Amino acid sequence: MRDPELLERIAARRAELDGLEEQLAKQLEEVRAERDELAVAIRVLERMSEQITEELAVTVPVSAQVGGRTVWMIPDREAGAEETALPPEYQRILTVVRTAGGPVSVRQVGEELGLDTGVRGKLEPLRGKLRKLADRGWLCTRPDGKFTIRP
């Protein structure tokens, strides 16, 4: 005793459920793929975060490109800041000023660094570096134009 109409309804419902199952399987596959991608993204983010943390721990001077030339970014002197945060050339300048034992002129610093102090044009870039160090809190500028180490 089979009712053709009932069999037809059952077959239609089964086809509907088969379609739903296929749709859900596809969605499940997409969800799993996205979850896997997120897991990879988290691993990449963790690695990058570790690398950034390591890079920040090493106090390397920061540089930027301006007009196609590398320009060193001189950090402000803050509590606990070390001279190693400065580029080597700026560290040498601070050493010269420190070992002078008193206020020094741009010419004196230039002589200690081995620059040709007879040519004014050779001292102007050095003057700019000394002013930059003073502006950032690494040196003090006296009214007479000489520089000293900031205490």
N, C-alpha and C. Protein backbone atom coordinates (compact mmCIF):
# COMPACT_ATOMS: atom_id res chain seq x y z
N MET A 1 0.81 -1.17 0.00
CA MET A 1 0.00 0.00 0.00
C MET A 1 0.87 1.25 0.00
N ARG A 2 1.22 1.60 -1.12
CA ARG A 2 2.01 2.81 -1.25
C ARG A 2 1.13 3.88 -1.85
N ASP A 3 1.22 4.99 -1.23
CA ASP A 3 0.49 6.14 -1.74
C ASP A 3 1.44 6.95 -2.60
N PRO A 4 1.16 7.05 -3.90
CA PRO A 4 2.09 7.76 -4.79
C PRO A 4 2.32 9.22 -4.37
N GLU A 5 1.30 9.84 -3.86
CA GLU A 5 1.44 11.22 -3.44
C GLU A 5 2.37 11.32 -2.24
N LEU A 6 2.26 10.43 -1.30
CA LEU A 6 3.11 10.40 -0.11
C LEU A 6 4.55 10.12 -0.51
N LEU A 7 4.74 9.17 -1.42
CA LEU A 7 6.10 8.86 -1.90
C LEU A 7 6.71 10.07 -2.61
N GLU A 8 5.90 10.78 -3.32
CA GLU A 8 6.36 11.97 -4.03
C GLU A 8 6.78 13.05 -3.03
N ARG A 9 6.02 13.24 -1.98
CA ARG A 9 6.36 14.21 -0.93
C ARG A 9 7.64 13.83 -0.22
N ILE A 10 7.78 12.54 0.08
CA ILE A 10 9.00 12.07 0.75
C ILE A 10 10.21 12.30 -0.16
N ALA A 11 10.07 12.00 -1.43
CA ALA A 11 11.17 12.18 -2.37
C ALA A 11 11.53 13.67 -2.49
N ALA A 12 10.52 14.54 -2.50
CA ALA A 12 10.76 15.98 -2.59
C ALA A 12 11.48 16.49 -1.34
N ARG A 13 11.02 16.00 -0.18
CA ARG A 13 11.67 16.42 1.09
C ARG A 13 13.09 15.92 1.14
N ARG A 14 13.31 14.70 0.69
CA ARG A 14 14.67 14.13 0.67
C ARG A 14 15.56 14.95 -0.25
N ALA A 15 15.07 15.34 -1.41
CA ALA A 15 15.85 16.17 -2.34
C ALA A 15 16.15 17.53 -1.70
N GLU A 16 15.16 18.07 -1.00
CA GLU A 16 15.35 19.34 -0.31
C GLU A 16 16.43 19.21 0.76
N LEU A 17 16.38 18.14 1.52
CA LEU A 17 17.39 17.91 2.57
C LEU A 17 18.76 17.64 1.97
N ASP A 18 18.81 16.92 0.84
CA ASP A 18 20.10 16.68 0.17
C ASP A 18 20.72 18.01 -0.28
N GLY A 19 19.88 18.91 -0.81
CA GLY A 19 20.37 20.23 -1.23
C GLY A 19 20.86 21.04 -0.04
N LEU A 20 20.10 20.97 1.06
CA LEU A 20 20.49 21.67 2.28
C LEU A 20 21.79 21.10 2.83
N GLU A 21 21.92 19.78 2.80
CA GLU A 21 23.15 19.13 3.27
C GLU A 21 24.34 19.59 2.43
N GLU A 22 24.15 19.67 1.13
CA GLU A 22 25.22 20.10 0.23
C GLU A 22 25.61 21.56 0.53
N GLN A 23 24.58 22.39 0.74
CA GLN A 23 24.82 23.79 1.04
C GLN A 23 25.56 23.94 2.38
N LEU A 24 25.12 23.19 3.39
CA LEU A 24 25.77 23.25 4.69
C LEU A 24 27.20 22.71 4.64
N ALA A 25 27.43 21.67 3.86
CA ALA A 25 28.78 21.12 3.71
C ALA A 25 29.69 22.16 3.07
N LYS A 26 29.17 22.89 2.09
CA LYS A 26 29.96 23.93 1.44
C LYS A 26 30.27 25.05 2.44
N GLN A 27 29.26 25.46 3.21
CA GLN A 27 29.47 26.50 4.21
C GLN A 27 30.48 26.05 5.26
N LEU A 28 30.37 24.79 5.69
CA LEU A 28 31.30 24.25 6.66
C LEU A 28 32.72 24.27 6.12
N GLU A 29 32.88 23.93 4.86
CA GLU A 29 34.19 23.95 4.21
C GLU A 29 34.75 25.38 4.19
N GLU A 30 33.89 26.35 3.87
CA GLU A 30 34.32 27.75 3.84
C GLU A 30 34.70 28.23 5.23
N VAL A 31 33.93 27.84 6.23
CA VAL A 31 34.22 28.23 7.62
C VAL A 31 35.55 27.65 8.06
N ARG A 32 35.78 26.39 7.77
CA ARG A 32 37.05 25.76 8.14
C ARG A 32 38.23 26.42 7.43
N ALA A 33 38.07 26.75 6.15
CA ALA A 33 39.14 27.41 5.40
C ALA A 33 39.44 28.78 6.00
N GLU A 34 38.40 29.52 6.34
CA GLU A 34 38.62 30.85 6.94
C GLU A 34 39.27 30.72 8.31
N ARG A 35 38.85 29.72 9.09
CA ARG A 35 39.45 29.49 10.40
C ARG A 35 40.93 29.17 10.26
N ASP A 36 41.28 28.34 9.26
CA ASP A 36 42.68 28.02 9.01
C ASP A 36 43.46 29.27 8.62
N GLU A 37 42.85 30.12 7.78
CA GLU A 37 43.51 31.37 7.39
C GLU A 37 43.74 32.27 8.60
N LEU A 38 42.77 32.33 9.49
CA LEU A 38 42.92 33.14 10.70
C LEU A 38 44.04 32.59 11.59
N ALA A 39 44.14 31.29 11.67
CA ALA A 39 45.21 30.69 12.47
C ALA A 39 46.58 31.07 11.89
N VAL A 40 46.69 31.05 10.57
CA VAL A 40 47.94 31.45 9.91
C VAL A 40 48.20 32.93 10.18
N ALA A 41 47.17 33.75 10.08
CA ALA A 41 47.32 35.19 10.31
C ALA A 41 47.80 35.46 11.73
N ILE A 42 47.27 34.73 12.69
CA ILE A 42 47.70 34.90 14.08
C ILE A 42 49.17 34.52 14.23
N ARG A 43 49.59 33.43 13.60
CA ARG A 43 51.01 33.03 13.68
C ARG A 43 51.91 34.09 13.06
N VAL A 44 51.51 34.62 11.91
CA VAL A 44 52.30 35.67 11.25
C VAL A 44 52.36 36.91 12.12
N LEU A 45 51.22 37.30 12.69
CA LEU A 45 51.16 38.48 13.55
C LEU A 45 52.06 38.29 14.78
N GLU A 46 52.03 37.11 15.37
CA GLU A 46 52.88 36.85 16.54
C GLU A 46 54.35 36.94 16.17
N ARG A 47 54.73 36.36 15.01
CA ARG A 47 56.12 36.44 14.55
C ARG A 47 56.54 37.88 14.31
N MET A 48 55.67 38.63 13.63
CA MET A 48 56.00 40.02 13.35
C MET A 48 56.10 40.82 14.64
N SER A 49 55.23 40.56 15.57
CA SER A 49 55.26 41.25 16.86
C SER A 49 56.56 40.95 17.60
N GLU A 50 57.00 39.69 17.56
CA GLU A 50 58.26 39.32 18.19
C GLU A 50 59.42 40.03 17.52
N GLN A 51 59.41 40.09 16.19
CA GLN A 51 60.48 40.75 15.46
C GLN A 51 60.51 42.24 15.79
N ILE A 52 59.35 42.86 15.84
CA ILE A 52 59.29 44.29 16.15
C ILE A 52 59.79 44.54 17.56
N THR A 53 59.40 43.68 18.49
CA THR A 53 59.85 43.82 19.87
C THR A 53 61.37 43.69 19.94
N GLU A 54 61.92 42.71 19.23
CA GLU A 54 63.37 42.54 19.21
C GLU A 54 64.06 43.74 18.59
N GLU A 55 63.50 44.26 17.49
CA GLU A 55 64.09 45.42 16.83
C GLU A 55 64.05 46.64 17.72
N LEU A 56 62.97 46.82 18.46
CA LEU A 56 62.87 47.97 19.34
C LEU A 56 63.80 47.84 20.53
N ALA A 57 64.08 46.61 20.93
CA ALA A 57 64.99 46.39 22.04
C ALA A 57 66.41 46.79 21.68
N VAL A 58 66.77 46.63 20.43
CA VAL A 58 68.08 47.05 19.96
C VAL A 58 67.95 48.52 19.59
N THR A 59 68.72 49.36 20.26
CA THR A 59 68.59 50.79 20.02
C THR A 59 69.43 51.20 18.82
N VAL A 60 68.85 50.99 17.66
CA VAL A 60 69.49 51.37 16.41
C VAL A 60 68.88 52.68 15.97
N PRO A 61 69.70 53.61 15.52
CA PRO A 61 69.13 54.88 15.09
C PRO A 61 68.13 54.68 13.95
N VAL A 62 67.11 55.47 13.97
CA VAL A 62 66.08 55.38 12.95
C VAL A 62 66.47 56.31 11.81
N SER A 63 66.29 55.85 10.58
CA SER A 63 66.58 56.70 9.43
C SER A 63 65.36 56.77 8.54
N ALA A 64 65.35 57.80 7.71
CA ALA A 64 64.25 57.99 6.77
C ALA A 64 64.84 58.45 5.45
N GLN A 65 64.05 58.31 4.40
CA GLN A 65 64.47 58.78 3.07
C GLN A 65 63.82 60.14 2.82
N VAL A 66 64.63 61.14 2.55
CA VAL A 66 64.15 62.46 2.21
C VAL A 66 64.87 62.88 0.94
N GLY A 67 64.13 63.10 -0.10
CA GLY A 67 64.74 63.50 -1.37
C GLY A 67 65.71 62.47 -1.90
N GLY A 68 65.45 61.20 -1.62
CA GLY A 68 66.32 60.13 -2.11
C GLY A 68 67.57 59.93 -1.28
N ARG A 69 67.74 60.70 -0.22
CA ARG A 69 68.92 60.56 0.64
C ARG A 69 68.49 60.04 2.00
N THR A 70 69.36 59.24 2.63
CA THR A 70 69.07 58.75 3.97
C THR A 70 69.35 59.84 4.98
N VAL A 71 68.37 60.11 5.83
CA VAL A 71 68.50 61.13 6.86
C VAL A 71 68.30 60.43 8.20
N TRP A 72 69.23 60.65 9.12
CA TRP A 72 69.11 60.03 10.45
C TRP A 72 68.16 60.84 11.30
N MET A 73 67.31 60.14 11.97
CA MET A 73 66.37 60.79 12.87
C MET A 73 67.00 60.77 14.26
N ILE A 74 67.23 61.94 14.82
CA ILE A 74 67.87 62.06 16.13
C ILE A 74 66.77 62.08 17.19
N PRO A 75 66.77 61.09 18.08
CA PRO A 75 65.70 61.04 19.10
C PRO A 75 65.92 62.08 20.19
N ASP A 76 64.83 62.49 20.81
CA ASP A 76 64.91 63.37 21.96
C ASP A 76 65.54 62.62 23.11
N ARG A 77 66.29 63.36 23.93
CA ARG A 77 66.89 62.73 25.11
C ARG A 77 65.82 62.67 26.19
N GLU A 78 65.58 61.48 26.67
CA GLU A 78 64.59 61.27 27.72
C GLU A 78 65.27 60.56 28.87
N ALA A 79 64.59 60.48 30.00
CA ALA A 79 65.14 59.78 31.15
C ALA A 79 65.48 58.35 30.76
N GLY A 80 66.69 57.94 31.01
CA GLY A 80 67.11 56.58 30.71
C GLY A 80 67.59 56.39 29.28
N ALA A 81 67.53 57.45 28.47
CA ALA A 81 67.98 57.33 27.08
C ALA A 81 69.50 57.22 27.05
N GLU A 82 69.98 56.38 26.19
CA GLU A 82 71.42 56.18 26.09
C GLU A 82 71.93 56.74 24.77
N GLU A 83 73.20 57.11 24.77
CA GLU A 83 73.81 57.67 23.57
C GLU A 83 73.84 56.66 22.43
N THR A 84 73.72 55.39 22.73
CA THR A 84 73.73 54.38 21.67
C THR A 84 72.51 54.50 20.77
N ALA A 85 71.50 55.29 21.19
CA ALA A 85 70.34 55.52 20.35
C ALA A 85 70.66 56.48 19.21
N LEU A 86 71.83 57.12 19.30
CA LEU A 86 72.25 58.08 18.27
C LEU A 86 73.12 57.40 17.22
N PRO A 87 73.16 57.96 16.02
CA PRO A 87 74.08 57.45 15.00
C PRO A 87 75.53 57.61 15.49
N PRO A 88 76.44 56.77 15.02
CA PRO A 88 77.83 56.81 15.48
C PRO A 88 78.48 58.19 15.35
N GLU A 89 78.18 58.92 14.29
CA GLU A 89 78.78 60.24 14.10
C GLU A 89 78.37 61.19 15.23
N TYR A 90 77.13 61.13 15.64
CA TYR A 90 76.63 61.96 16.72
C TYR A 90 77.21 61.50 18.06
N GLN A 91 77.43 60.22 18.22
CA GLN A 91 78.06 59.71 19.44
C GLN A 91 79.48 60.27 19.55
N ARG A 92 80.23 60.31 18.42
CA ARG A 92 81.59 60.86 18.43
C ARG A 92 81.57 62.34 18.82
N ILE A 93 80.59 63.08 18.31
CA ILE A 93 80.47 64.50 18.66
C ILE A 93 80.26 64.65 20.16
N LEU A 94 79.37 63.87 20.73
CA LEU A 94 79.12 63.94 22.18
C LEU A 94 80.38 63.59 22.97
N THR A 95 81.13 62.61 22.50
CA THR A 95 82.37 62.23 23.17
C THR A 95 83.36 63.38 23.17
N VAL A 96 83.49 64.05 22.04
CA VAL A 96 84.41 65.19 21.94
C VAL A 96 84.00 66.29 22.91
N VAL A 97 82.70 66.62 22.94
CA VAL A 97 82.22 67.68 23.83
C VAL A 97 82.44 67.27 25.29
N ARG A 98 82.17 66.02 25.62
CA ARG A 98 82.34 65.54 27.00
C ARG A 98 83.80 65.58 27.45
N THR A 99 84.69 65.14 26.59
CA THR A 99 86.11 65.06 26.98
C THR A 99 86.78 66.44 26.97
N ALA A 100 86.15 67.44 26.40
CA ALA A 100 86.74 68.78 26.36
C ALA A 100 86.84 69.38 27.76
N GLY A 101 85.99 68.97 28.66
CA GLY A 101 86.05 69.45 30.03
C GLY A 101 85.45 70.83 30.23
N GLY A 102 84.82 71.38 29.23
CA GLY A 102 84.18 72.69 29.35
C GLY A 102 83.49 73.03 28.06
N PRO A 103 83.00 74.25 27.96
CA PRO A 103 82.32 74.67 26.73
C PRO A 103 83.27 74.63 25.53
N VAL A 104 82.75 74.14 24.40
CA VAL A 104 83.57 74.04 23.18
C VAL A 104 82.88 74.74 22.02
N SER A 105 83.69 75.27 21.14
CA SER A 105 83.16 75.90 19.93
C SER A 105 83.03 74.85 18.84
N VAL A 106 82.33 75.20 17.79
CA VAL A 106 82.17 74.31 16.65
C VAL A 106 83.55 74.00 16.07
N ARG A 107 84.41 75.01 15.99
CA ARG A 107 85.76 74.84 15.45
C ARG A 107 86.55 73.80 16.26
N GLN A 108 86.47 73.89 17.59
CA GLN A 108 87.20 72.93 18.44
C GLN A 108 86.71 71.50 18.21
N VAL A 109 85.40 71.34 18.10
CA VAL A 109 84.84 70.01 17.85
C VAL A 109 85.32 69.52 16.49
N GLY A 110 85.28 70.41 15.50
CA GLY A 110 85.74 70.05 14.15
C GLY A 110 87.19 69.63 14.13
N GLU A 111 88.04 70.33 14.86
CA GLU A 111 89.46 69.97 14.93
C GLU A 111 89.64 68.58 15.53
N GLU A 112 88.89 68.31 16.60
CA GLU A 112 88.99 66.99 17.25
C GLU A 112 88.50 65.87 16.33
N LEU A 113 87.53 66.20 15.48
CA LEU A 113 87.00 65.19 14.56
C LEU A 113 87.84 65.08 13.30
N GLY A 114 88.83 65.95 13.15
CA GLY A 114 89.71 65.87 11.99
C GLY A 114 89.18 66.58 10.75
N LEU A 115 88.26 67.51 10.94
CA LEU A 115 87.72 68.26 9.81
C LEU A 115 88.66 69.40 9.43
N ASP A 116 88.55 69.86 8.19
CA ASP A 116 89.32 71.01 7.71
C ASP A 116 88.63 72.25 8.25
N THR A 117 89.13 72.78 9.37
CA THR A 117 88.47 73.90 10.04
C THR A 117 88.82 75.24 9.40
N GLY A 118 89.72 75.25 8.46
CA GLY A 118 90.07 76.49 7.77
C GLY A 118 89.00 76.91 6.78
N VAL A 119 88.15 76.00 6.39
CA VAL A 119 87.08 76.30 5.44
C VAL A 119 85.76 76.35 6.21
N ARG A 120 85.15 77.54 6.21
CA ARG A 120 83.92 77.72 6.99
C ARG A 120 82.81 76.76 6.54
N GLY A 121 82.74 76.49 5.26
CA GLY A 121 81.71 75.60 4.73
C GLY A 121 81.79 74.19 5.29
N LYS A 122 82.97 73.79 5.74
CA LYS A 122 83.12 72.45 6.32
C LYS A 122 82.56 72.38 7.74
N LEU A 123 82.48 73.54 8.38
CA LEU A 123 82.01 73.57 9.77
C LEU A 123 80.49 73.73 9.88
N GLU A 124 79.84 74.25 8.86
CA GLU A 124 78.40 74.49 8.95
C GLU A 124 77.58 73.20 9.14
N PRO A 125 77.89 72.11 8.42
CA PRO A 125 77.14 70.87 8.70
C PRO A 125 77.35 70.39 10.14
N LEU A 126 78.57 70.59 10.67
CA LEU A 126 78.85 70.20 12.05
C LEU A 126 78.05 71.08 13.00
N ARG A 127 77.97 72.38 12.70
CA ARG A 127 77.19 73.30 13.54
C ARG A 127 75.72 72.84 13.57
N GLY A 128 75.22 72.43 12.42
CA GLY A 128 73.84 71.94 12.36
C GLY A 128 73.64 70.71 13.23
N LYS A 129 74.63 69.81 13.23
CA LYS A 129 74.52 68.60 14.06
C LYS A 129 74.57 68.96 15.55
N LEU A 130 75.44 69.90 15.90
CA LEU A 130 75.52 70.32 17.30
C LEU A 130 74.21 70.98 17.73
N ARG A 131 73.64 71.80 16.87
CA ARG A 131 72.35 72.43 17.20
C ARG A 131 71.24 71.40 17.33
N LYS A 132 71.26 70.42 16.44
CA LYS A 132 70.25 69.36 16.50
C LYS A 132 70.36 68.60 17.82
N LEU A 133 71.58 68.30 18.23
CA LEU A 133 71.79 67.62 19.52
C LEU A 133 71.30 68.49 20.67
N ALA A 134 71.52 69.80 20.56
CA ALA A 134 71.05 70.71 21.60
C ALA A 134 69.53 70.79 21.60
N ASP A 135 68.93 70.86 20.41
CA ASP A 135 67.47 70.92 20.31
C ASP A 135 66.80 69.68 20.87
N ARG A 136 67.47 68.54 20.74
CA ARG A 136 66.91 67.28 21.22
C ARG A 136 67.26 67.00 22.68
N GLY A 137 68.00 67.90 23.32
CA GLY A 137 68.28 67.75 24.75
C GLY A 137 69.57 67.03 25.08
N TRP A 138 70.41 66.74 24.11
CA TRP A 138 71.67 66.04 24.37
C TRP A 138 72.79 67.01 24.77
N LEU A 139 72.73 68.24 24.27
CA LEU A 139 73.72 69.26 24.57
C LEU A 139 73.02 70.53 25.05
N CYS A 140 73.82 71.44 25.64
CA CYS A 140 73.34 72.78 25.99
C CYS A 140 74.08 73.77 25.12
N THR A 141 73.36 74.78 24.65
CA THR A 141 73.98 75.86 23.88
C THR A 141 74.11 77.06 24.80
N ARG A 142 75.31 77.59 24.87
CA ARG A 142 75.55 78.79 25.70
C ARG A 142 75.30 80.04 24.87
N PRO A 143 75.09 81.17 25.52
CA PRO A 143 74.87 82.42 24.79
C PRO A 143 76.03 82.80 23.86
N ASP A 144 77.24 82.35 24.20
CA ASP A 144 78.40 82.68 23.35
C ASP A 144 78.54 81.73 22.16
N GLY A 145 77.57 80.81 21.97
CA GLY A 145 77.59 79.89 20.83
C GLY A 145 78.36 78.61 21.07
N LYS A 146 78.89 78.44 22.28
CA LYS A 146 79.62 77.21 22.60
C LYS A 146 78.65 76.16 23.13
N PHE A 147 79.11 74.93 23.13
CA PHE A 147 78.26 73.81 23.52
C PHE A 147 78.86 73.07 24.71
N THR A 148 77.97 72.55 25.57
CA THR A 148 78.38 71.71 26.69
C THR A 148 77.44 70.50 26.77
N ILE A 149 77.89 69.50 27.48
CA ILE A 149 77.03 68.32 27.72
C ILE A 149 75.93 68.71 28.69
N ARG A 150 74.73 68.29 28.38
CA ARG A 150 73.60 68.55 29.31
C ARG A 150 73.73 67.59 30.48
N PRO A 151 73.64 68.13 31.67
CA PRO A 151 73.77 67.25 32.87
C PRO A 151 72.64 66.26 32.98
